[in-house]
Amino acid sequence: MAKGQVTIPKDIREVLGVASGDRITFIVEGNTVRIVNSAVYAMQVLQKEIAGEAERAGLTSDDDVMAFVKELRNEDENE
């Protein structure tokens, strides 16, 4: 039974920043397939999804963000 494993040459693993056992994502674009580090790709997707949300929430400075995080932590402690 196939395990869905792929052997990637060492030089390509180094470029991708992946080690044995790390997960990769295949992205199909037309007739091209890109191989990316899954952790890096997930972070890029997340950043794209939440881009601008801080500003829309009124968090326009580092101090605003720190105050918001502190407020959330206090709420967690009080639950």
N, C-alpha and C. Protein backbone atom coordinates (compact mmCIF):
# COMPACT_ATOMS: atom_id res chain seq x y z
N MET A 1 0.85 -1.18 0.00
CA MET A 1 0.00 0.00 0.00
C MET A 1 0.89 1.24 0.00
N ALA A 2 0.62 2.17 -0.87
CA ALA A 2 1.41 3.39 -0.98
C ALA A 2 1.17 4.29 0.23
N LYS A 3 2.24 4.95 0.67
CA LYS A 3 2.16 5.84 1.82
C LYS A 3 2.03 7.30 1.42
N GLY A 4 2.05 7.59 0.13
CA GLY A 4 1.96 8.98 -0.31
C GLY A 4 3.24 9.76 -0.06
N GLN A 5 4.34 9.06 0.01
CA GLN A 5 5.62 9.71 0.26
C GLN A 5 6.32 10.05 -1.04
N VAL A 6 7.09 11.13 -1.00
CA VAL A 6 7.85 11.58 -2.16
C VAL A 6 9.28 11.83 -1.71
N THR A 7 10.24 11.39 -2.50
CA THR A 7 11.64 11.68 -2.21
C THR A 7 12.04 12.94 -2.96
N ILE A 8 12.49 13.94 -2.20
CA ILE A 8 12.91 15.21 -2.79
C ILE A 8 14.42 15.32 -2.64
N PRO A 9 15.12 15.63 -3.71
CA PRO A 9 16.58 15.75 -3.64
C PRO A 9 17.02 16.74 -2.57
N LYS A 10 18.18 16.47 -1.96
CA LYS A 10 18.70 17.27 -0.86
C LYS A 10 18.79 18.75 -1.20
N ASP A 11 19.30 19.10 -2.39
CA ASP A 11 19.46 20.51 -2.72
C ASP A 11 18.12 21.23 -2.79
N ILE A 12 17.08 20.55 -3.22
CA ILE A 12 15.74 21.16 -3.27
C ILE A 12 15.17 21.27 -1.86
N ARG A 13 15.39 20.25 -1.01
CA ARG A 13 14.94 20.32 0.39
C ARG A 13 15.57 21.51 1.09
N GLU A 14 16.84 21.76 0.82
CA GLU A 14 17.53 22.89 1.44
C GLU A 14 16.91 24.21 1.00
N VAL A 15 16.60 24.34 -0.28
CA VAL A 15 15.97 25.56 -0.79
C VAL A 15 14.60 25.77 -0.13
N LEU A 16 13.84 24.68 0.03
CA LEU A 16 12.51 24.76 0.62
C LEU A 16 12.56 24.90 2.14
N GLY A 17 13.69 24.59 2.73
CA GLY A 17 13.80 24.64 4.19
C GLY A 17 13.05 23.51 4.87
N VAL A 18 13.04 22.34 4.24
CA VAL A 18 12.36 21.19 4.83
C VAL A 18 13.36 20.08 5.14
N ALA A 19 13.02 19.32 6.17
CA ALA A 19 13.85 18.19 6.57
C ALA A 19 13.02 16.92 6.43
N SER A 20 13.66 15.80 6.60
CA SER A 20 12.98 14.52 6.52
C SER A 20 11.81 14.51 7.49
N GLY A 21 10.63 14.14 7.00
CA GLY A 21 9.45 14.09 7.84
C GLY A 21 8.60 15.34 7.80
N ASP A 22 9.15 16.46 7.32
CA ASP A 22 8.37 17.69 7.21
C ASP A 22 7.31 17.53 6.13
N ARG A 23 6.29 18.33 6.22
CA ARG A 23 5.22 18.28 5.23
C ARG A 23 5.43 19.33 4.15
N ILE A 24 5.03 18.97 2.95
CA ILE A 24 5.10 19.89 1.82
C ILE A 24 3.72 19.99 1.18
N THR A 25 3.51 21.04 0.44
CA THR A 25 2.25 21.24 -0.26
C THR A 25 2.53 21.36 -1.74
N PHE A 26 1.72 20.68 -2.54
CA PHE A 26 1.81 20.79 -3.99
C PHE A 26 0.73 21.75 -4.45
N ILE A 27 1.11 22.78 -5.17
CA ILE A 27 0.17 23.77 -5.68
C ILE A 27 0.15 23.65 -7.20
N VAL A 28 -1.01 23.30 -7.74
CA VAL A 28 -1.16 23.13 -9.18
C VAL A 28 -1.64 24.44 -9.78
N GLU A 29 -0.88 24.95 -10.74
CA GLU A 29 -1.22 26.19 -11.44
C GLU A 29 -1.14 25.91 -12.93
N GLY A 30 -2.30 25.64 -13.52
CA GLY A 30 -2.31 25.27 -14.94
C GLY A 30 -1.60 23.95 -15.13
N ASN A 31 -0.55 23.96 -15.96
CA ASN A 31 0.21 22.73 -16.19
C ASN A 31 1.51 22.72 -15.40
N THR A 32 1.59 23.56 -14.37
CA THR A 32 2.78 23.66 -13.53
C THR A 32 2.43 23.26 -12.10
N VAL A 33 3.37 22.61 -11.43
CA VAL A 33 3.19 22.25 -10.02
C VAL A 33 4.31 22.89 -9.22
N ARG A 34 3.92 23.64 -8.17
CA ARG A 34 4.90 24.23 -7.26
C ARG A 34 4.92 23.39 -5.99
N ILE A 35 6.12 23.18 -5.44
CA ILE A 35 6.28 22.47 -4.18
C ILE A 35 6.72 23.50 -3.16
N VAL A 36 5.97 23.60 -2.04
CA VAL A 36 6.31 24.58 -1.02
C VAL A 36 6.29 23.92 0.36
N ASN A 37 7.03 24.51 1.27
CA ASN A 37 7.03 24.09 2.66
C ASN A 37 5.63 24.37 3.21
N SER A 38 4.95 23.35 3.73
CA SER A 38 3.56 23.52 4.19
C SER A 38 3.42 24.54 5.30
N ALA A 39 4.36 24.56 6.25
CA ALA A 39 4.28 25.51 7.36
C ALA A 39 4.41 26.94 6.86
N VAL A 40 5.35 27.17 5.96
CA VAL A 40 5.55 28.51 5.40
C VAL A 40 4.33 28.91 4.58
N TYR A 41 3.82 28.00 3.78
CA TYR A 41 2.66 28.29 2.94
C TYR A 41 1.44 28.62 3.80
N ALA A 42 1.23 27.85 4.86
CA ALA A 42 0.08 28.10 5.74
C ALA A 42 0.17 29.48 6.36
N MET A 43 1.37 29.89 6.77
CA MET A 43 1.55 31.22 7.35
C MET A 43 1.29 32.31 6.32
N GLN A 44 1.74 32.10 5.09
CA GLN A 44 1.50 33.08 4.03
C GLN A 44 0.00 33.23 3.74
N VAL A 45 -0.70 32.11 3.71
CA VAL A 45 -2.15 32.14 3.47
C VAL A 45 -2.85 32.88 4.61
N LEU A 46 -2.46 32.57 5.85
CA LEU A 46 -3.05 33.23 7.01
C LEU A 46 -2.81 34.74 6.97
N GLN A 47 -1.57 35.13 6.68
CA GLN A 47 -1.25 36.56 6.61
C GLN A 47 -2.08 37.26 5.54
N LYS A 48 -2.26 36.60 4.42
CA LYS A 48 -3.06 37.19 3.34
C LYS A 48 -4.52 37.33 3.77
N GLU A 49 -5.04 36.30 4.46
CA GLU A 49 -6.44 36.30 4.88
C GLU A 49 -6.73 37.40 5.90
N ILE A 50 -5.77 37.68 6.80
CA ILE A 50 -6.04 38.66 7.85
C ILE A 50 -5.44 40.03 7.56
N ALA A 51 -4.87 40.20 6.39
CA ALA A 51 -4.26 41.49 6.04
C ALA A 51 -5.29 42.61 6.19
N GLY A 52 -4.91 43.64 6.90
CA GLY A 52 -5.76 44.81 7.08
C GLY A 52 -6.76 44.71 8.22
N GLU A 53 -6.91 43.53 8.82
CA GLU A 53 -7.90 43.37 9.89
C GLU A 53 -7.54 44.19 11.12
N ALA A 54 -6.26 44.30 11.45
CA ALA A 54 -5.86 45.09 12.62
C ALA A 54 -6.26 46.55 12.45
N GLU A 55 -6.00 47.09 11.27
CA GLU A 55 -6.36 48.48 11.02
C GLU A 55 -7.87 48.67 11.09
N ARG A 56 -8.62 47.72 10.53
CA ARG A 56 -10.08 47.81 10.56
C ARG A 56 -10.61 47.73 11.99
N ALA A 57 -9.87 47.05 12.86
CA ALA A 57 -10.27 46.93 14.26
C ALA A 57 -9.77 48.11 15.10
N GLY A 58 -9.08 49.04 14.45
CA GLY A 58 -8.59 50.22 15.17
C GLY A 58 -7.23 50.04 15.81
N LEU A 59 -6.55 48.96 15.49
CA LEU A 59 -5.21 48.70 16.04
C LEU A 59 -4.19 49.26 15.06
N THR A 60 -3.78 50.50 15.30
CA THR A 60 -2.92 51.17 14.33
C THR A 60 -1.48 51.32 14.77
N SER A 61 -1.17 50.90 16.01
CA SER A 61 0.21 51.00 16.49
C SER A 61 0.57 49.75 17.28
N ASP A 62 1.86 49.59 17.53
CA ASP A 62 2.30 48.46 18.35
C ASP A 62 1.68 48.53 19.74
N ASP A 63 1.56 49.74 20.28
CA ASP A 63 0.96 49.91 21.61
C ASP A 63 -0.50 49.44 21.61
N ASP A 64 -1.23 49.75 20.54
CA ASP A 64 -2.62 49.29 20.42
C ASP A 64 -2.69 47.77 20.45
N VAL A 65 -1.80 47.13 19.71
CA VAL A 65 -1.78 45.66 19.64
C VAL A 65 -1.44 45.08 21.00
N MET A 66 -0.43 45.64 21.66
CA MET A 66 -0.03 45.14 22.98
C MET A 66 -1.17 45.29 23.99
N ALA A 67 -1.87 46.41 23.95
CA ALA A 67 -2.99 46.63 24.86
C ALA A 67 -4.11 45.62 24.58
N PHE A 68 -4.36 45.35 23.32
CA PHE A 68 -5.40 44.39 22.93
C PHE A 68 -5.04 42.99 23.42
N VAL A 69 -3.79 42.59 23.23
CA VAL A 69 -3.34 41.26 23.68
C VAL A 69 -3.45 41.16 25.20
N LYS A 70 -3.05 42.22 25.90
CA LYS A 70 -3.13 42.24 27.36
C LYS A 70 -4.59 42.09 27.81
N GLU A 71 -5.49 42.78 27.12
CA GLU A 71 -6.92 42.69 27.43
C GLU A 71 -7.43 41.26 27.23
N LEU A 72 -7.03 40.63 26.13
CA LEU A 72 -7.45 39.25 25.87
C LEU A 72 -6.92 38.29 26.93
N ARG A 73 -5.68 38.49 27.33
CA ARG A 73 -5.10 37.62 28.36
C ARG A 73 -5.84 37.78 29.68
N ASN A 74 -6.20 39.01 30.02
CA ASN A 74 -6.95 39.25 31.26
C ASN A 74 -8.31 38.57 31.20
N GLU A 75 -8.97 38.60 30.04
CA GLU A 75 -10.26 37.92 29.88
C GLU A 75 -10.10 36.42 30.09
N ASP A 76 -9.01 35.84 29.54
CA ASP A 76 -8.77 34.40 29.69
C ASP A 76 -8.55 34.04 31.15
N GLU A 77 -7.84 34.90 31.89
CA GLU A 77 -7.56 34.62 33.30
C GLU A 77 -8.82 34.71 34.14
N ASN A 78 -9.76 35.54 33.73
CA ASN A 78 -10.99 35.75 34.50
C ASN A 78 -12.07 34.71 34.20
N GLU A 79 -11.85 33.86 33.24
CA GLU A 79 -12.87 32.84 32.89
C GLU A 79 -12.75 31.64 33.77
